[in-house]
C-alpha atoms as a PDB file:
ATOM      1  CA  MET A   1     206.780 138.864 166.658  1.00  0.00           C
ATOM      2  CA  LYS A   2     203.901 139.719 164.392  1.00  0.00           C
ATOM      3  CA  LYS A   3     203.964 138.651 160.754  1.00  0.00           C
ATOM      4  CA  GLY A   4     203.525 142.427 159.815  1.00  0.00           C
ATOM      5  CA  THR A   5     206.428 143.576 161.695  1.00  0.00           C
ATOM      6  CA  LEU A   6     208.782 140.881 160.245  1.00  0.00           C
ATOM      7  CA  LEU A   7     207.515 141.860 156.742  1.00  0.00           C
ATOM      8  CA  ALA A   8     208.404 145.350 157.617  1.00  0.00           C
ATOM      9  CA  LEU A   9     211.884 144.689 158.843  1.00  0.00           C
ATOM     10  CA  ALA A  10     212.552 142.418 155.963  1.00  0.00           C
ATOM     11  CA  THR A  11     211.490 145.226 153.430  1.00  0.00           C
ATOM     12  CA  LEU A  12     213.828 147.718 155.519  1.00  0.00           C
ATOM     13  CA  SER A  13     216.565 145.249 155.420  1.00  0.00           C
ATOM     14  CA  ILE A  14     216.449 144.873 151.455  1.00  0.00           C
ATOM     15  CA  SER A  15     216.199 148.824 151.120  1.00  0.00           C
ATOM     16  CA  LEU A  16     219.261 149.348 153.413  1.00  0.00           C
ATOM     17  CA  ASN A  17     221.197 146.662 151.496  1.00  0.00           C
ATOM     18  CA  LEU A  18     220.100 148.181 148.143  1.00  0.00           C
ATOM     19  CA  ASN A  19     221.456 151.619 149.284  1.00  0.00           C
ATOM     20  CA  ALA A  20     224.754 149.993 150.401  1.00  0.00           C
ATOM     21  CA  GLN A  21     225.295 148.310 147.121  1.00  0.00           C
ATOM     22  CA  GLY A  22     223.786 150.857 144.659  1.00  0.00           C
ATOM     23  CA  TYR A  23     220.761 150.592 142.517  1.00  0.00           C
ATOM     24  CA  TYR A  24     221.519 150.106 138.793  1.00  0.00           C
ATOM     25  CA  THR A  25     218.392 148.419 137.405  1.00  0.00           C
ATOM     26  CA  LYS A  26     214.951 147.632 138.134  1.00  0.00           C
ATOM     27  CA  TYR A  27     214.478 145.231 141.092  1.00  0.00           C
ATOM     28  CA  CYS A  28     212.102 142.411 141.103  1.00  0.00           C
ATOM     29  CA  ALA A  29     211.012 140.888 144.585  1.00  0.00           C
ATOM     30  CA  ASP A  30     209.263 137.913 142.982  1.00  0.00           C
ATOM     31  CA  LYS A  31     211.636 135.083 143.307  1.00  0.00           C
ATOM     32  CA  GLN A  32     209.742 132.822 141.294  1.00  0.00           C
ATOM     33  CA  LEU A  33     209.492 135.265 138.139  1.00  0.00           C
ATOM     34  CA  ARG A  34     213.320 135.777 138.720  1.00  0.00           C
ATOM     35  CA  LYS A  35     214.032 132.221 138.511  1.00  0.00           C
ATOM     36  CA  GLN A  36     211.514 131.844 135.406  1.00  0.00           C
ATOM     37  CA  ALA A  37     213.248 134.705 133.626  1.00  0.00           C
ATOM     38  CA  GLN A  38     216.724 133.324 134.155  1.00  0.00           C
ATOM     39  CA  ALA A  39     215.669 129.996 132.840  1.00  0.00           C
ATOM     40  CA  TRP A  40     214.129 131.492 129.728  1.00  0.00           C
ATOM     41  CA  LEU A  41     217.201 133.551 128.854  1.00  0.00           C
ATOM     42  CA  LYS A  42     219.455 130.833 129.449  1.00  0.00           C
ATOM     43  CA  LYS A  43     217.192 128.506 127.405  1.00  0.00           C
ATOM     44  CA  GLY A  44     217.400 131.025 124.423  1.00  0.00           C
ATOM     45  CA  GLU A  45     213.646 130.964 123.552  1.00  0.00           C
ATOM     46  CA  TRP A  46     214.039 134.595 122.527  1.00  0.00           C
ATOM     47  CA  ARG A  47     216.759 133.927 119.826  1.00  0.00           C
ATOM     48  CA  ASN A  48     214.584 133.384 116.921  1.00  0.00           C
ATOM     49  CA  GLY A  49     217.477 131.889 115.068  1.00  0.00           C
ATOM     50  CA  PHE A  50     219.918 134.668 116.333  1.00  0.00           C
ATOM     51  CA  THR A  51     223.301 133.068 117.090  1.00  0.00           C
ATOM     52  CA  LYS A  52     225.749 135.828 116.445  1.00  0.00           C
ATOM     53  CA  ALA A  53     225.999 137.023 119.952  1.00  0.00           C
ATOM     54  CA  ASP A  54     224.765 136.329 123.540  1.00  0.00           C
ATOM     55  CA  ALA A  55     222.924 138.732 126.117  1.00  0.00           C
ATOM     56  CA  HIS A  56     225.476 140.574 128.070  1.00  0.00           C
ATOM     57  CA  GLU A  57     225.394 139.742 131.883  1.00  0.00           C
ATOM     58  CA  THR A  58     224.047 143.328 132.580  1.00  0.00           C
ATOM     59  CA  VAL A  59     220.811 142.544 130.652  1.00  0.00           C
ATOM     60  CA  ASN A  60     217.994 142.590 133.215  1.00  0.00           C
ATOM     61  CA  ALA A  61     216.466 139.185 132.665  1.00  0.00           C
ATOM     62  CA  VAL A  62     213.058 139.904 134.154  1.00  0.00           C
ATOM     63  CA  GLU A  63     212.533 142.988 132.189  1.00  0.00           C
ATOM     64  CA  PHE A  64     213.581 141.318 128.998  1.00  0.00           C
ATOM     65  CA  TYR A  65     211.350 138.358 129.920  1.00  0.00           C
ATOM     66  CA  THR A  66     208.333 140.387 130.464  1.00  0.00           C
ATOM     67  CA  GLN A  67     208.834 142.797 127.739  1.00  0.00           C
ATOM     68  CA  TYR A  68     209.391 140.111 125.362  1.00  0.00           C
ATOM     69  CA  LYS A  69     206.015 138.463 126.229  1.00  0.00           C
ATOM     70  CA  LYS A  70     204.212 141.749 125.963  1.00  0.00           C
ATOM     71  CA  ASN A  71     205.631 142.320 122.595  1.00  0.00           C
ATOM     72  CA  PRO A  72     206.780 139.299 120.898  1.00  0.00           C
ATOM     73  CA  GLU A  73     206.448 140.269 117.235  1.00  0.00           C
ATOM     74  CA  GLN A  74     208.977 143.303 117.622  1.00  0.00           C
ATOM     75  CA  TRP A  75     211.454 141.238 119.484  1.00  0.00           C
ATOM     76  CA  LYS A  76     211.228 138.471 116.895  1.00  0.00           C
ATOM     77  CA  LYS A  77     211.587 140.623 113.959  1.00  0.00           C
ATOM     78  CA  LEU A  78     214.524 142.341 115.708  1.00  0.00           C
ATOM     79  CA  PHE A  79     216.487 139.285 116.234  1.00  0.00           C
ATOM     80  CA  GLU A  80     215.705 137.759 112.853  1.00  0.00           C
ATOM     81  CA  TRP A  81     216.836 140.984 111.096  1.00  0.00           C
ATOM     82  CA  CYS A  82     220.188 141.069 113.079  1.00  0.00           C
ATOM     83  CA  GLN A  83     220.817 137.483 112.279  1.00  0.00           C
ATOM     84  CA  ASN A  84     220.048 137.670 108.508  1.00  0.00           C
ATOM     85  CA  THR A  85     221.459 141.069 107.823  1.00  0.00           C
ATOM     86  CA  ASP A  86     225.385 141.617 107.132  1.00  0.00           C
ATOM     87  CA  LEU A  87     225.561 144.494 109.740  1.00  0.00           C
ATOM     88  CA  ALA A  88     229.144 145.245 108.951  1.00  0.00           C
ATOM     89  CA  ALA A  89     228.316 145.923 105.433  1.00  0.00           C
ATOM     90  CA  LEU A  90     225.171 148.296 105.806  1.00  0.00           C
ATOM     91  CA  PRO A  91     225.649 151.826 104.957  1.00  0.00           C
ATOM     92  CA  LYS A  92     225.668 154.072 108.061  1.00  0.00           C
ATOM     93  CA  GLY A  93     222.604 156.012 109.171  1.00  0.00           C
ATOM     94  CA  ARG A  94     219.020 154.990 109.720  1.00  0.00           C
ATOM     95  CA  VAL A  95     217.866 151.715 108.189  1.00  0.00           C
ATOM     96  CA  PRO A  96     214.257 150.492 108.457  1.00  0.00           C
ATOM     97  CA  ILE A  97     213.621 147.082 109.717  1.00  0.00           C
ATOM     98  CA  PRO A  98     210.997 145.497 107.201  1.00  0.00           C
ATOM     99  CA  GLY A  99     207.689 144.599 108.561  1.00  0.00           C
ATOM    100  CA  THR A 100     208.046 146.693 111.688  1.00  0.00           C
ATOM    101  CA  THR A 101     208.082 150.456 112.835  1.00  0.00           C
ATOM    102  CA  MET A 102     211.492 149.946 114.192  1.00  0.00           C
ATOM    103  CA  VAL A 103     214.402 151.769 112.729  1.00  0.00           C
ATOM    104  CA  ALA A 104     218.189 150.562 113.194  1.00  0.00           C
ATOM    105  CA  SER A 105     220.700 153.304 113.726  1.00  0.00           C
ATOM    106  CA  VAL A 106     223.941 152.146 112.044  1.00  0.00           C
ATOM    107  CA  GLU A 107     226.590 154.249 113.648  1.00  0.00           C
ATOM    108  CA  ASP A 108     230.475 154.377 112.718  1.00  0.00           C
ATOM    109  CA  ASP A 109     231.808 156.432 115.699  1.00  0.00           C
ATOM    110  CA  HIS A 110     234.599 156.510 118.174  1.00  0.00           C
ATOM    111  CA  ASN A 111     234.879 156.224 121.937  1.00  0.00           C
ATOM    112  CA  ARG A 112     235.173 159.590 124.051  1.00  0.00           C
ATOM    113  CA  ASP A 113     236.586 160.640 127.362  1.00  0.00           C
ATOM    114  CA  LEU A 114     234.021 159.824 130.248  1.00  0.00           C
ATOM    115  CA  ARG A 115     233.901 163.487 131.194  1.00  0.00           C
ATOM    116  CA  THR A 116     232.340 164.540 127.942  1.00  0.00           C
ATOM    117  CA  LEU A 117     229.746 162.093 128.179  1.00  0.00           C
ATOM    118  CA  LYS A 118     226.140 162.356 130.049  1.00  0.00           C
ATOM    119  CA  PRO A 119     224.211 159.276 131.214  1.00  0.00           C
ATOM    120  CA  GLU A 120     220.639 158.885 129.900  1.00  0.00           C
ATOM    121  CA  SER A 121     217.667 156.828 130.030  1.00  0.00           C
ATOM    122  CA  HIS A 122     214.542 156.436 127.821  1.00  0.00           C
ATOM    123  CA  VAL A 123     210.832 156.576 129.199  1.00  0.00           C
ATOM    124  CA  ARG A 124     208.912 154.955 126.209  1.00  0.00           C
ATOM    125  CA  HIS A 125     211.707 153.073 124.527  1.00  0.00           C
ATOM    126  CA  ILE A 126     214.369 150.190 125.242  1.00  0.00           C
ATOM    127  CA  ASP A 127     217.769 150.429 123.750  1.00  0.00           C
ATOM    128  CA  PHE A 128     219.001 147.512 122.070  1.00  0.00           C
ATOM    129  CA  GLN A 129     222.654 148.002 121.349  1.00  0.00           C
ATOM    130  CA  TYR A 130     225.112 145.771 119.441  1.00  0.00           C
ATOM    131  CA  VAL A 131     228.700 146.607 118.790  1.00  0.00           C
ATOM    132  CA  VAL A 132     229.484 145.123 115.306  1.00  0.00           C
ATOM    133  CA  ARG A 133     232.937 146.132 115.071  1.00  0.00           C
ATOM    134  CA  GLY A 134     235.636 147.386 117.745  1.00  0.00           C
ATOM    135  CA  CYS A 135     234.987 147.633 121.483  1.00  0.00           C
ATOM    136  CA  GLU A 136     232.732 150.055 123.142  1.00  0.00           C
ATOM    137  CA  ARG A 137     232.486 150.704 126.875  1.00  0.00           C
ATOM    138  CA  PHE A 138     229.245 151.133 128.577  1.00  0.00           C
ATOM    139  CA  GLY A 139     228.497 152.608 132.099  1.00  0.00           C
ATOM    140  CA  LEU A 140     225.464 151.939 134.406  1.00  0.00           C
ATOM    141  CA  VAL A 141     225.013 154.701 137.076  1.00  0.00           C
ATOM    142  CA  ASP A 142     223.699 154.328 140.589  1.00  0.00           C
ATOM    143  CA  HIS A 143     220.130 155.828 140.940  1.00  0.00           C
ATOM    144  CA  TYR A 144     220.729 156.811 144.697  1.00  0.00           C
ATOM    145  CA  SER A 145     223.618 159.160 143.742  1.00  0.00           C
ATOM    146  CA  SER A 146     222.192 160.524 140.485  1.00  0.00           C
ATOM    147  CA  LYS A 147     219.561 163.247 139.771  1.00  0.00           C
ATOM    148  CA  VAL A 148     217.948 164.595 136.658  1.00  0.00           C
ATOM    149  CA  SER A 149     220.198 167.236 135.077  1.00  0.00           C
ATOM    150  CA  VAL A 150     218.251 168.828 132.234  1.00  0.00           C
ATOM    151  CA  PRO A 151     214.619 169.350 131.578  1.00  0.00           C
ATOM    152  CA  TYR A 152     212.887 166.125 129.798  1.00  0.00           C
ATOM    153  CA  ARG A 153     213.019 166.018 126.029  1.00  0.00           C
ATOM    154  CA  PRO A 154     211.332 163.153 124.007  1.00  0.00           C
ATOM    155  CA  ASP A 155     212.500 160.541 124.775  1.00  0.00           C
ATOM    156  CA  VAL A 156     215.680 161.094 126.672  1.00  0.00           C
ATOM    157  CA  VAL A 157     216.408 161.965 130.319  1.00  0.00           C
ATOM    158  CA  ASN A 158     220.061 163.260 131.275  1.00  0.00           C
ATOM    159  CA  TYR A 159     221.513 162.801 134.766  1.00  0.00           C
ATOM    160  CA  SER A 160     224.272 164.215 136.865  1.00  0.00           C
ATOM    161  CA  TYR A 161     225.984 161.346 138.650  1.00  0.00           C
ATOM    162  CA  ASP A 162     228.896 160.121 140.723  1.00  0.00           C
ATOM    163  CA  ALA A 163     231.437 158.454 138.501  1.00  0.00           C
ATOM    164  CA  SER A 164     232.993 156.558 141.311  1.00  0.00           C
ATOM    165  CA  LYS A 165     229.728 154.682 141.650  1.00  0.00           C
ATOM    166  CA  ALA A 166     229.188 153.831 138.087  1.00  0.00           C
ATOM    167  CA  LYS A 167     229.945 150.381 136.774  1.00  0.00           C
ATOM    168  CA  PHE A 168     231.500 150.020 133.528  1.00  0.00           C
ATOM    169  CA  HIS A 169     231.491 147.023 131.059  1.00  0.00           C
ATOM    170  CA  ASP A 170     233.180 146.722 127.481  1.00  0.00           C
ATOM    171  CA  GLY A 171     231.125 145.189 124.808  1.00  0.00           C
ATOM    172  CA  ASP A 172     232.184 143.731 121.402  1.00  0.00           C
ATOM    173  CA  ALA A 173     230.429 141.642 118.767  1.00  0.00           C
ATOM    174  CA  SER A 174     230.008 138.593 121.115  1.00  0.00           C
ATOM    175  CA  LYS A 175     227.489 140.305 123.307  1.00  0.00           C
ATOM    176  CA  PHE A 176     224.535 142.589 122.971  1.00  0.00           C
ATOM    177  CA  PHE A 177     223.269 145.164 125.613  1.00  0.00           C
ATOM    178  CA  ILE A 178     219.714 145.992 126.313  1.00  0.00           C
ATOM    179  CA  PHE A 179     218.989 149.271 128.327  1.00  0.00           C
ATOM    180  CA  PHE A 180     215.569 149.293 129.919  1.00  0.00           C
ATOM    181  CA  PRO A 181     214.032 152.687 131.289  1.00  0.00           C
ATOM    182  CA  ASP A 182     215.561 151.926 134.586  1.00  0.00           C
ATOM    183  CA  ASP A 183     218.861 151.187 133.165  1.00  0.00           C
ATOM    184  CA  TRP A 184     220.500 154.801 133.362  1.00  0.00           C
ATOM    185  CA  HIS A 185     223.480 154.328 131.036  1.00  0.00           C
ATOM    186  CA  ILE A 186     226.500 155.960 129.477  1.00  0.00           C
ATOM    187  CA  ALA A 187     227.471 154.687 125.866  1.00  0.00           C
ATOM    188  CA  LYS A 188     230.786 155.172 123.940  1.00  0.00           C
ATOM    189  CA  VAL A 189     233.106 155.453 126.779  1.00  0.00           C
ATOM    190  CA  LYS A 190     236.852 155.313 125.856  1.00  0.00           C
ATOM    191  CA  THR A 191     238.294 151.801 126.588  1.00  0.00           C
ATOM    192  CA  ASP A 192     242.017 150.623 127.262  1.00  0.00           C
ATOM    193  CA  LYS A 193     242.496 149.543 123.846  1.00  0.00           C
ATOM    194  CA  ASN A 194     244.542 151.618 121.279  1.00  0.00           C
ATOM    195  CA  ASP A 195     241.894 151.490 118.621  1.00  0.00           C
ATOM    196  CA  GLN A 196     238.551 153.670 119.680  1.00  0.00           C
ATOM    197  CA  ASN A 197     236.688 153.399 116.336  1.00  0.00           C
ATOM    198  CA  ILE A 198     233.507 151.345 116.410  1.00  0.00           C
ATOM    199  CA  ARG A 199     230.524 150.389 114.600  1.00  0.00           C
ATOM    200  CA  VAL A 200     227.342 150.070 116.813  1.00  0.00           C
ATOM    201  CA  VAL A 201     223.661 149.228 115.825  1.00  0.00           C
ATOM    202  CA  VAL A 202     221.085 150.805 118.172  1.00  0.00           C
ATOM    203  CA  ILE A 203     217.500 149.678 117.746  1.00  0.00           C
ATOM    204  CA  LYS A 204     214.655 151.270 119.852  1.00  0.00           C
ATOM    205  CA  VAL A 205     212.164 148.941 120.870  1.00  0.00           C
ATOM    206  CA  ASP A 206     208.800 150.104 122.281  1.00  0.00           C
ATOM    207  CA  TYR A 207     208.513 149.666 126.147  1.00  0.00           C
ATOM    208  CA  MET A 208     205.226 148.283 126.984  1.00  0.00           C
END
């Protein structure tokens, strides 16, 4: 069998497998890059002194690695600010991060019924989300069974989706989440806990 035919069959196999499993984040076919990114994430070179939390397992390591390398100063300032700031004591609202164009949105809110929420993504920005107090449930929706539901408005895209194919994860102060443009996500979903009150810090990082 010719090399070109084998490559085509391999590509088809990957495509069929992704369709069967769902598609939730940007895929990287470069095995070496995936390995390099995972090692970088595990080693913690990105921390810049940040020890309050670890990256949640859903964080796309390749996207994190490549975006950090393209825009190191923003990421360094973000983690430095998160480490050196008492996030629980900040007033709610928009808080500028010194020395950057980034602004942290400090939100005292509550989780809601899933039926009232819409998935979203962003084209030009990355969502860094850190639950400082309480427990917040996040959802990632399958691209294959979702579609854009409303006209684009800067910088938000909303989707209709199949809730049965969404994947949900609970977040607290031990983990942070990062949602890249290909991570179509739902935030502030009601959890199984009695207390639905949360404080979450959301920081928009430029997508390069």
